[in-house]
Amino acid sequence: MEDLLEILEELHDDVDYETCTTLIDDKILDSFDIVTIVAEVNNVFDVQIPAEELIPENFNSAKALYALIERLEDE
């Protein structure tokens, strides 16, 4: 989770990613941020996020995104 938080904080260091659950709903993350996150997750975690997983529920919080990463790592 620490690596993911570092990725997110590089995008927007003024957000409390540990508690925020509305990253997409409140437009904190935009489409360019999502592209960056997908690329960084691929590099850091060696996990490819498929297009069908690019839904708001998976990106609204760091916890949800980390759960997605863990799920994809297990596949």
Protein backbone atom coordinates (compact mmCIF):
# COMPACT_ATOMS: atom_id res chain seq x y z
CA MET A 1 0.00 0.00 0.00
CA GLU A 2 2.92 2.32 0.73
CA ASP A 3 4.09 2.18 -2.90
CA LEU A 4 0.59 3.01 -4.11
CA LEU A 5 0.33 5.98 -1.75
CA GLU A 6 3.63 7.29 -3.10
CA ILE A 7 2.30 7.06 -6.66
CA LEU A 8 -0.87 8.93 -5.69
CA GLU A 9 0.94 11.59 -3.66
CA GLU A 10 3.15 12.40 -6.66
CA LEU A 11 -0.04 13.31 -8.54
CA HIS A 12 -1.70 15.39 -5.82
CA ASP A 13 0.22 15.83 -2.59
CA ASP A 14 -2.57 17.83 -0.97
CA VAL A 15 -5.01 14.88 -0.73
CA ASP A 16 -5.39 12.58 2.26
CA TYR A 17 -5.48 9.31 0.32
CA GLU A 18 -5.79 7.24 3.49
CA THR A 19 -9.28 8.62 4.20
CA CYS A 20 -10.62 10.00 0.90
CA THR A 21 -13.24 7.78 -0.74
CA THR A 22 -14.39 10.19 -3.47
CA LEU A 23 -11.32 10.63 -5.66
CA ILE A 24 -13.34 10.20 -8.86
CA ASP A 25 -16.72 11.47 -7.62
CA ASP A 26 -15.18 14.76 -6.45
CA LYS A 27 -13.01 15.03 -9.60
CA ILE A 28 -9.77 14.93 -7.60
CA LEU A 29 -8.41 12.46 -10.16
CA ASP A 30 -8.94 13.16 -13.84
CA SER A 31 -8.44 10.97 -16.90
CA PHE A 32 -4.77 11.94 -17.20
CA ASP A 33 -4.22 10.92 -13.58
CA ILE A 34 -5.86 7.55 -14.25
CA VAL A 35 -3.56 6.93 -17.24
CA THR A 36 -0.56 7.79 -15.04
CA ILE A 37 -1.77 5.53 -12.22
CA VAL A 38 -2.33 2.61 -14.61
CA ALA A 39 1.19 3.01 -16.03
CA GLU A 40 2.80 3.35 -12.59
CA VAL A 41 0.89 0.37 -11.17
CA ASN A 42 2.13 -1.65 -14.13
CA ASN A 43 5.72 -0.56 -13.45
CA VAL A 44 5.74 -0.84 -9.67
CA PHE A 45 3.45 -3.83 -9.09
CA ASP A 46 3.93 -5.59 -12.45
CA VAL A 47 0.14 -5.72 -12.84
CA GLN A 48 -1.85 -4.80 -15.95
CA ILE A 49 -5.19 -3.16 -15.20
CA PRO A 50 -7.59 -4.29 -17.95
CA ALA A 51 -9.96 -1.79 -19.57
CA GLU A 52 -13.03 -3.37 -17.94
CA GLU A 53 -11.55 -2.54 -14.51
CA LEU A 54 -11.26 1.18 -15.33
CA ILE A 55 -14.42 2.05 -13.43
CA PRO A 56 -14.94 4.74 -10.77
CA GLU A 57 -15.46 2.18 -7.98
CA ASN A 58 -11.88 0.93 -8.44
CA PHE A 59 -10.35 4.43 -8.34
CA ASN A 60 -12.48 6.30 -5.78
CA SER A 61 -10.08 5.47 -2.94
CA ALA A 62 -6.56 4.22 -2.43
CA LYS A 63 -8.02 1.26 -0.54
CA ALA A 64 -10.22 0.27 -3.49
CA LEU A 65 -7.35 0.65 -5.92
CA TYR A 66 -5.07 -1.43 -3.72
CA ALA A 67 -7.76 -4.13 -3.47
CA LEU A 68 -7.89 -4.18 -7.28
CA ILE A 69 -4.10 -4.53 -7.48
CA GLU A 70 -4.12 -7.40 -4.98
CA ARG A 71 -6.93 -9.13 -6.87
CA LEU A 72 -5.05 -8.82 -10.16
CA GLU A 73 -1.83 -10.07 -8.58
CA ASP A 74 -3.66 -13.23 -7.45
CA GLU A 75 -4.98 -13.97 -10.95
